[in-house]
Amino acid sequence: MADATVTSKGQITIPKPVRERMGLKPGDHVEFVEDHGKVHMKKKVSASPFKKFRGYLKHLKGMDPDKVLQDMRGQ
């Protein structure tokens, strides 16, 4: 297993083999779970991959869909 060093700011770099094995990419979230004196790190997975888009089109609520498409197409 790989190891890492804690910086003065309490940060660590997750070794590349571990990131690859866990499928971690920039922007992913991880969580730390304590279990009987040991700490486990796991990738935090959102309930839905579309959750980040929730409310994205809220400003279009009540507008005519045909009008929205015309505006988007520049017609």
PDB file of N, CA and C in Angstrom:
ATOM      1  N   MET A   1       0.842  -1.175   0.000  1.00  0.00           N
ATOM      2  CA  MET A   1       0.000   0.000   0.000  1.00  0.00           C
ATOM      3  C   MET A   1       0.889   1.240   0.000  1.00  0.00           C
ATOM      4  N   ALA A   2       0.411   2.311  -0.573  1.00  0.00           N
ATOM      5  CA  ALA A   2       1.160   3.557  -0.679  1.00  0.00           C
ATOM      6  C   ALA A   2       1.020   4.368   0.603  1.00  0.00           C
ATOM      7  N   ASP A   3       1.931   5.318   0.780  1.00  0.00           N
ATOM      8  CA  ASP A   3       1.840   6.201   1.935  1.00  0.00           C
ATOM      9  C   ASP A   3       1.944   7.647   1.475  1.00  0.00           C
ATOM     10  N   ALA A   4       1.621   8.576   2.386  1.00  0.00           N
ATOM     11  CA  ALA A   4       1.659   9.997   2.072  1.00  0.00           C
ATOM     12  C   ALA A   4       2.099  10.750   3.316  1.00  0.00           C
ATOM     13  N   THR A   5       2.555  11.973   3.128  1.00  0.00           N
ATOM     14  CA  THR A   5       3.011  12.813   4.225  1.00  0.00           C
ATOM     15  C   THR A   5       2.030  13.967   4.422  1.00  0.00           C
ATOM     16  N   VAL A   6       1.717  14.260   5.655  1.00  0.00           N
ATOM     17  CA  VAL A   6       0.816  15.353   5.987  1.00  0.00           C
ATOM     18  C   VAL A   6       1.624  16.657   5.992  1.00  0.00           C
ATOM     19  N   THR A   7       1.114  17.689   5.302  1.00  0.00           N
ATOM     20  CA  THR A   7       1.787  18.988   5.266  1.00  0.00           C
ATOM     21  C   THR A   7       1.448  19.773   6.529  1.00  0.00           C
ATOM     22  N   SER A   8       2.067  20.931   6.678  1.00  0.00           N
ATOM     23  CA  SER A   8       1.803  21.783   7.837  1.00  0.00           C
ATOM     24  C   SER A   8       0.357  22.291   7.855  1.00  0.00           C
ATOM     25  N   LYS A   9      -0.295  22.280   6.697  1.00  0.00           N
ATOM     26  CA  LYS A   9      -1.698  22.698   6.613  1.00  0.00           C
ATOM     27  C   LYS A   9      -2.654  21.518   6.789  1.00  0.00           C
ATOM     28  N   GLY A  10      -2.125  20.344   7.075  1.00  0.00           N
ATOM     29  CA  GLY A  10      -2.970  19.165   7.267  1.00  0.00           C
ATOM     30  C   GLY A  10      -3.413  18.512   5.969  1.00  0.00           C
ATOM     31  N   GLN A  11      -2.731  18.816   4.875  1.00  0.00           N
ATOM     32  CA  GLN A  11      -3.097  18.260   3.572  1.00  0.00           C
ATOM     33  C   GLN A  11      -2.216  17.066   3.222  1.00  0.00           C
ATOM     34  N   ILE A  12      -2.786  16.182   2.398  1.00  0.00           N
ATOM     35  CA  ILE A  12      -2.001  15.064   1.865  1.00  0.00           C
ATOM     36  C   ILE A  12      -2.275  14.964   0.367  1.00  0.00           C
ATOM     37  N   THR A  13      -1.353  14.353  -0.337  1.00  0.00           N
ATOM     38  CA  THR A  13      -1.575  14.017  -1.737  1.00  0.00           C
ATOM     39  C   THR A  13      -1.863  12.532  -1.790  1.00  0.00           C
ATOM     40  N   ILE A  14      -2.997  12.188  -2.389  1.00  0.00           N
ATOM     41  CA  ILE A  14      -3.346  10.774  -2.519  1.00  0.00           C
ATOM     42  C   ILE A  14      -2.478  10.196  -3.629  1.00  0.00           C
ATOM     43  N   PRO A  15      -1.708   9.159  -3.324  1.00  0.00           N
ATOM     44  CA  PRO A  15      -0.816   8.586  -4.332  1.00  0.00           C
ATOM     45  C   PRO A  15      -1.570   8.158  -5.599  1.00  0.00           C
ATOM     46  N   LYS A  16      -0.927   8.321  -6.740  1.00  0.00           N
ATOM     47  CA  LYS A  16      -1.550   8.033  -8.039  1.00  0.00           C
ATOM     48  C   LYS A  16      -2.135   6.630  -8.128  1.00  0.00           C
ATOM     49  N   PRO A  17      -1.432   5.580  -7.676  1.00  0.00           N
ATOM     50  CA  PRO A  17      -2.032   4.241  -7.773  1.00  0.00           C
ATOM     51  C   PRO A  17      -3.348   4.127  -6.994  1.00  0.00           C
ATOM     52  N   VAL A  18      -3.432   4.827  -5.861  1.00  0.00           N
ATOM     53  CA  VAL A  18      -4.661   4.803  -5.059  1.00  0.00           C
ATOM     54  C   VAL A  18      -5.765   5.571  -5.777  1.00  0.00           C
ATOM     55  N   ARG A  19      -5.439   6.745  -6.324  1.00  0.00           N
ATOM     56  CA  ARG A  19      -6.433   7.534  -7.080  1.00  0.00           C
ATOM     57  C   ARG A  19      -6.971   6.732  -8.248  1.00  0.00           C
ATOM     58  N   GLU A  20      -6.089   6.053  -8.962  1.00  0.00           N
ATOM     59  CA  GLU A  20      -6.525   5.261 -10.114  1.00  0.00           C
ATOM     60  C   GLU A  20      -7.402   4.099  -9.684  1.00  0.00           C
ATOM     61  N   ARG A  21      -7.011   3.412  -8.623  1.00  0.00           N
ATOM     62  CA  ARG A  21      -7.763   2.256  -8.136  1.00  0.00           C
ATOM     63  C   ARG A  21      -9.157   2.678  -7.655  1.00  0.00           C
ATOM     64  N   MET A  22      -9.242   3.877  -7.048  1.00  0.00           N
ATOM     65  CA  MET A  22     -10.523   4.366  -6.533  1.00  0.00           C
ATOM     66  C   MET A  22     -11.329   5.133  -7.578  1.00  0.00           C
ATOM     67  N   GLY A  23     -10.709   5.408  -8.730  1.00  0.00           N
ATOM     68  CA  GLY A  23     -11.393   6.156  -9.778  1.00  0.00           C
ATOM     69  C   GLY A  23     -11.583   7.622  -9.420  1.00  0.00           C
ATOM     70  N   LEU A  24     -10.653   8.185  -8.658  1.00  0.00           N
ATOM     71  CA  LEU A  24     -10.748   9.587  -8.241  1.00  0.00           C
ATOM     72  C   LEU A  24     -10.235  10.510  -9.330  1.00  0.00           C
ATOM     73  N   LYS A  25     -10.987  11.581  -9.555  1.00  0.00           N
ATOM     74  CA  LYS A  25     -10.618  12.583 -10.549  1.00  0.00           C
ATOM     75  C   LYS A  25     -10.676  13.955  -9.887  1.00  0.00           C
ATOM     76  N   PRO A  26     -10.035  14.963 -10.456  1.00  0.00           N
ATOM     77  CA  PRO A  26     -10.094  16.304  -9.870  1.00  0.00           C
ATOM     78  C   PRO A  26     -11.541  16.747  -9.655  1.00  0.00           C
ATOM     79  N   GLY A  27     -11.803  17.288  -8.485  1.00  0.00           N
ATOM     80  CA  GLY A  27     -13.154  17.746  -8.156  1.00  0.00           C
ATOM     81  C   GLY A  27     -13.984  16.723  -7.413  1.00  0.00           C
ATOM     82  N   ASP A  28     -13.553  15.455  -7.394  1.00  0.00           N
ATOM     83  CA  ASP A  28     -14.282  14.427  -6.656  1.00  0.00           C
ATOM     84  C   ASP A  28     -14.177  14.692  -5.156  1.00  0.00           C
ATOM     85  N   HIS A  29     -15.149  14.218  -4.425  1.00  0.00           N
ATOM     86  CA  HIS A  29     -15.149  14.359  -2.976  1.00  0.00           C
ATOM     87  C   HIS A  29     -14.882  13.004  -2.342  1.00  0.00           C
ATOM     88  N   VAL A  30     -14.165  13.034  -1.239  1.00  0.00           N
ATOM     89  CA  VAL A  30     -13.927  11.819  -0.461  1.00  0.00           C
ATOM     90  C   VAL A  30     -14.412  12.070   0.956  1.00  0.00           C
ATOM     91  N   GLU A  31     -14.726  11.005   1.656  1.00  0.00           N
ATOM     92  CA  GLU A  31     -15.094  11.145   3.054  1.00  0.00           C
ATOM     93  C   GLU A  31     -14.269  10.184   3.890  1.00  0.00           C
ATOM     94  N   PHE A  32     -14.067  10.563   5.130  1.00  0.00           N
ATOM     95  CA  PHE A  32     -13.273   9.768   6.056  1.00  0.00           C
ATOM     96  C   PHE A  32     -14.208   9.208   7.121  1.00  0.00           C
ATOM     97  N   VAL A  33     -14.143   7.902   7.309  1.00  0.00           N
ATOM     98  CA  VAL A  33     -15.019   7.220   8.254  1.00  0.00           C
ATOM     99  C   VAL A  33     -14.155   6.519   9.290  1.00  0.00           C
ATOM    100  N   GLU A  34     -14.413   6.825  10.557  1.00  0.00           N
ATOM    101  CA  GLU A  34     -13.671   6.178  11.634  1.00  0.00           C
ATOM    102  C   GLU A  34     -14.396   4.908  12.043  1.00  0.00           C
ATOM    103  N   ASP A  35     -13.625   3.834  12.198  1.00  0.00           N
ATOM    104  CA  ASP A  35     -14.201   2.539  12.552  1.00  0.00           C
ATOM    105  C   ASP A  35     -13.231   1.789  13.456  1.00  0.00           C
ATOM    106  N   HIS A  36     -13.572   1.693  14.720  1.00  0.00           N
ATOM    107  CA  HIS A  36     -12.759   0.964  15.694  1.00  0.00           C
ATOM    108  C   HIS A  36     -11.298   1.425  15.699  1.00  0.00           C
ATOM    109  N   GLY A  37     -11.091   2.740  15.755  1.00  0.00           N
ATOM    110  CA  GLY A  37      -9.743   3.283  15.842  1.00  0.00           C
ATOM    111  C   GLY A  37      -9.004   3.386  14.519  1.00  0.00           C
ATOM    112  N   LYS A  38      -9.642   3.002  13.440  1.00  0.00           N
ATOM    113  CA  LYS A  38      -9.036   3.129  12.112  1.00  0.00           C
ATOM    114  C   LYS A  38      -9.863   4.116  11.298  1.00  0.00           C
ATOM    115  N   VAL A  39      -9.198   4.799  10.393  1.00  0.00           N
ATOM    116  CA  VAL A  39      -9.895   5.743   9.527  1.00  0.00           C
ATOM    117  C   VAL A  39      -9.843   5.207   8.102  1.00  0.00           C
ATOM    118  N   HIS A  40     -11.001   5.138   7.480  1.00  0.00           N
ATOM    119  CA  HIS A  40     -11.116   4.663   6.102  1.00  0.00           C
ATOM    120  C   HIS A  40     -11.535   5.832   5.220  1.00  0.00           C
ATOM    121  N   MET A  41     -10.946   5.912   4.053  1.00  0.00           N
ATOM    122  CA  MET A  41     -11.308   6.943   3.096  1.00  0.00           C
ATOM    123  C   MET A  41     -12.117   6.279   1.991  1.00  0.00           C
ATOM    124  N   LYS A  42     -13.224   6.923   1.610  1.00  0.00           N
ATOM    125  CA  LYS A  42     -13.997   6.384   0.494  1.00  0.00           C
ATOM    126  C   LYS A  42     -14.487   7.515  -0.386  1.00  0.00           C
ATOM    127  N   LYS A  43     -14.676   7.183  -1.639  1.00  0.00           N
ATOM    128  CA  LYS A  43     -15.152   8.165  -2.605  1.00  0.00           C
ATOM    129  C   LYS A  43     -16.605   8.477  -2.270  1.00  0.00           C
ATOM    130  N   LYS A  44     -16.920   9.766  -2.186  1.00  0.00           N
ATOM    131  CA  LYS A  44     -18.283  10.176  -1.901  1.00  0.00           C
ATOM    132  C   LYS A  44     -19.023  10.300  -3.220  1.00  0.00           C
ATOM    133  N   VAL A  45     -20.064   9.509  -3.371  1.00  0.00           N
ATOM    134  CA  VAL A  45     -20.815   9.482  -4.618  1.00  0.00           C
ATOM    135  C   VAL A  45     -22.170  10.132  -4.391  1.00  0.00           C
ATOM    136  N   SER A  46     -22.501  11.076  -5.240  1.00  0.00           N
ATOM    137  CA  SER A  46     -23.786  11.759  -5.166  1.00  0.00           C
ATOM    138  C   SER A  46     -24.906  10.781  -5.471  1.00  0.00           C
ATOM    139  N   ALA A  47     -26.055  11.012  -4.899  1.00  0.00           N
ATOM    140  CA  ALA A  47     -27.211  10.150  -5.139  1.00  0.00           C
ATOM    141  C   ALA A  47     -27.585  10.143  -6.618  1.00  0.00           C
ATOM    142  N   SER A  48     -27.408  11.271  -7.278  1.00  0.00           N
ATOM    143  CA  SER A  48     -27.739  11.367  -8.690  1.00  0.00           C
ATOM    144  C   SER A  48     -26.670  12.206  -9.396  1.00  0.00           C
ATOM    145  N   PRO A  49     -26.202  11.745 -10.544  1.00  0.00           N
ATOM    146  CA  PRO A  49     -25.213  12.548 -11.268  1.00  0.00           C
ATOM    147  C   PRO A  49     -25.810  13.856 -11.800  1.00  0.00           C
ATOM    148  N   PHE A  50     -27.131  13.954 -11.787  1.00  0.00           N
ATOM    149  CA  PHE A  50     -27.805  15.148 -12.288  1.00  0.00           C
ATOM    150  C   PHE A  50     -28.109  16.151 -11.181  1.00  0.00           C
ATOM    151  N   LYS A  51     -27.786  15.808  -9.935  1.00  0.00           N
ATOM    152  CA  LYS A  51     -28.089  16.671  -8.803  1.00  0.00           C
ATOM    153  C   LYS A  51     -27.483  18.064  -8.962  1.00  0.00           C
ATOM    154  N   LYS A  52     -26.286  18.143  -9.541  1.00  0.00           N
ATOM    155  CA  LYS A  52     -25.632  19.442  -9.699  1.00  0.00           C
ATOM    156  C   LYS A  52     -26.371  20.353 -10.671  1.00  0.00           C
ATOM    157  N   PHE A  53     -27.258  19.790 -11.485  1.00  0.00           N
ATOM    158  CA  PHE A  53     -28.004  20.594 -12.450  1.00  0.00           C
ATOM    159  C   PHE A  53     -29.376  21.007 -11.933  1.00  0.00           C
ATOM    160  N   ARG A  54     -29.759  20.517 -10.750  1.00  0.00           N
ATOM    161  CA  ARG A  54     -31.066  20.836 -10.191  1.00  0.00           C
ATOM    162  C   ARG A  54     -31.180  22.352 -10.015  1.00  0.00           C
ATOM    163  N   GLY A  55     -32.264  22.921 -10.558  1.00  0.00           N
ATOM    164  CA  GLY A  55     -32.489  24.352 -10.454  1.00  0.00           C
ATOM    165  C   GLY A  55     -31.786  25.177 -11.519  1.00  0.00           C
ATOM    166  N   TYR A  56     -31.050  24.536 -12.402  1.00  0.00           N
ATOM    167  CA  TYR A  56     -30.257  25.230 -13.415  1.00  0.00           C
ATOM    168  C   TYR A  56     -31.126  26.067 -14.360  1.00  0.00           C
ATOM    169  N   LEU A  57     -32.323  25.591 -14.644  1.00  0.00           N
ATOM    170  CA  LEU A  57     -33.203  26.297 -15.581  1.00  0.00           C
ATOM    171  C   LEU A  57     -34.355  27.006 -14.867  1.00  0.00           C
ATOM    172  N   LYS A  58     -34.200  27.214 -13.563  1.00  0.00           N
ATOM    173  CA  LYS A  58     -35.262  27.811 -12.758  1.00  0.00           C
ATOM    174  C   LYS A  58     -35.703  29.175 -13.314  1.00  0.00           C
ATOM    175  N   HIS A  59     -34.770  29.911 -13.868  1.00  0.00           N
ATOM    176  CA  HIS A  59     -35.096  31.244 -14.400  1.00  0.00           C
ATOM    177  C   HIS A  59     -36.028  31.184 -15.615  1.00  0.00           C
ATOM    178  N   LEU A  60     -36.212  30.000 -16.194  1.00  0.00           N
ATOM    179  CA  LEU A  60     -37.084  29.848 -17.366  1.00  0.00           C
ATOM    180  C   LEU A  60     -38.497  29.392 -16.995  1.00  0.00           C
ATOM    181  N   LYS A  61     -38.734  29.214 -15.697  1.00  0.00           N
ATOM    182  CA  LYS A  61     -40.026  28.704 -15.233  1.00  0.00           C
ATOM    183  C   LYS A  61     -41.165  29.607 -15.716  1.00  0.00           C
ATOM    184  N   GLY A  62     -42.192  28.973 -16.284  1.00  0.00           N
ATOM    185  CA  GLY A  62     -43.373  29.690 -16.737  1.00  0.00           C
ATOM    186  C   GLY A  62     -43.263  30.245 -18.150  1.00  0.00           C
ATOM    187  N   MET A  63     -42.085  30.143 -18.750  1.00  0.00           N
ATOM    188  CA  MET A  63     -41.922  30.660 -20.107  1.00  0.00           C
ATOM    189  C   MET A  63     -42.399  29.631 -21.128  1.00  0.00           C
ATOM    190  N   ASP A  64     -42.817  30.112 -22.268  1.00  0.00           N
ATOM    191  CA  ASP A  64     -43.252  29.244 -23.356  1.00  0.00           C
ATOM    192  C   ASP A  64     -42.035  28.515 -23.931  1.00  0.00           C
ATOM    193  N   PRO A  65     -42.056  27.171 -23.959  1.00  0.00           N
ATOM    194  CA  PRO A  65     -40.898  26.414 -24.459  1.00  0.00           C
ATOM    195  C   PRO A  65     -40.515  26.774 -25.894  1.00  0.00           C
ATOM    196  N   ASP A  66     -41.505  27.038 -26.736  1.00  0.00           N
ATOM    197  CA  ASP A  66     -41.207  27.407 -28.122  1.00  0.00           C
ATOM    198  C   ASP A  66     -40.464  28.742 -28.178  1.00  0.00           C
ATOM    199  N   LYS A  67     -40.862  29.690 -27.324  1.00  0.00           N
ATOM    200  CA  LYS A  67     -40.205  31.002 -27.268  1.00  0.00           C
ATOM    201  C   LYS A  67     -38.767  30.849 -26.776  1.00  0.00           C
ATOM    202  N   VAL A  68     -38.563  29.986 -25.785  1.00  0.00           N
ATOM    203  CA  VAL A  68     -37.214  29.746 -25.262  1.00  0.00           C
ATOM    204  C   VAL A  68     -36.309  29.202 -26.361  1.00  0.00           C
ATOM    205  N   LEU A  69     -36.797  28.209 -27.126  1.00  0.00           N
ATOM    206  CA  LEU A  69     -36.002  27.642 -28.216  1.00  0.00           C
ATOM    207  C   LEU A  69     -35.700  28.671 -29.292  1.00  0.00           C
ATOM    208  N   GLN A  70     -36.693  29.499 -29.623  1.00  0.00           N
ATOM    209  CA  GLN A  70     -36.470  30.551 -30.620  1.00  0.00           C
ATOM    210  C   GLN A  70     -35.380  31.508 -30.147  1.00  0.00           C
ATOM    211  N   ASP A  71     -35.429  31.892 -28.872  1.00  0.00           N
ATOM    212  CA  ASP A  71     -34.422  32.809 -28.325  1.00  0.00           C
ATOM    213  C   ASP A  71     -33.035  32.155 -28.337  1.00  0.00           C
ATOM    214  N   MET A  72     -32.960  30.869 -28.008  1.00  0.00           N
ATOM    215  CA  MET A  72     -31.680  30.174 -27.977  1.00  0.00           C
ATOM    216  C   MET A  72     -31.083  30.059 -29.374  1.00  0.00           C
ATOM    217  N   ARG A  73     -31.949  29.892 -30.360  1.00  0.00           N
ATOM    218  CA  ARG A  73     -31.494  29.741 -31.746  1.00  0.00           C
ATOM    219  C   ARG A  73     -31.268  31.090 -32.426  1.00  0.00           C
ATOM    220  N   GLY A  74     -31.657  32.174 -31.745  1.00  0.00           N
ATOM    221  CA  GLY A  74     -31.460  33.500 -32.313  1.00  0.00           C
ATOM    222  C   GLY A  74     -32.456  33.839 -33.387  1.00  0.00           C
ATOM    223  N   GLN A  75     -33.620  33.257 -33.295  1.00  0.00           N
ATOM    224  CA  GLN A  75     -34.649  33.519 -34.321  1.00  0.00           C
ATOM    225  C   GLN A  75     -35.612  34.582 -33.853  1.00  0.00           C
TER     226      GLN A  75
END
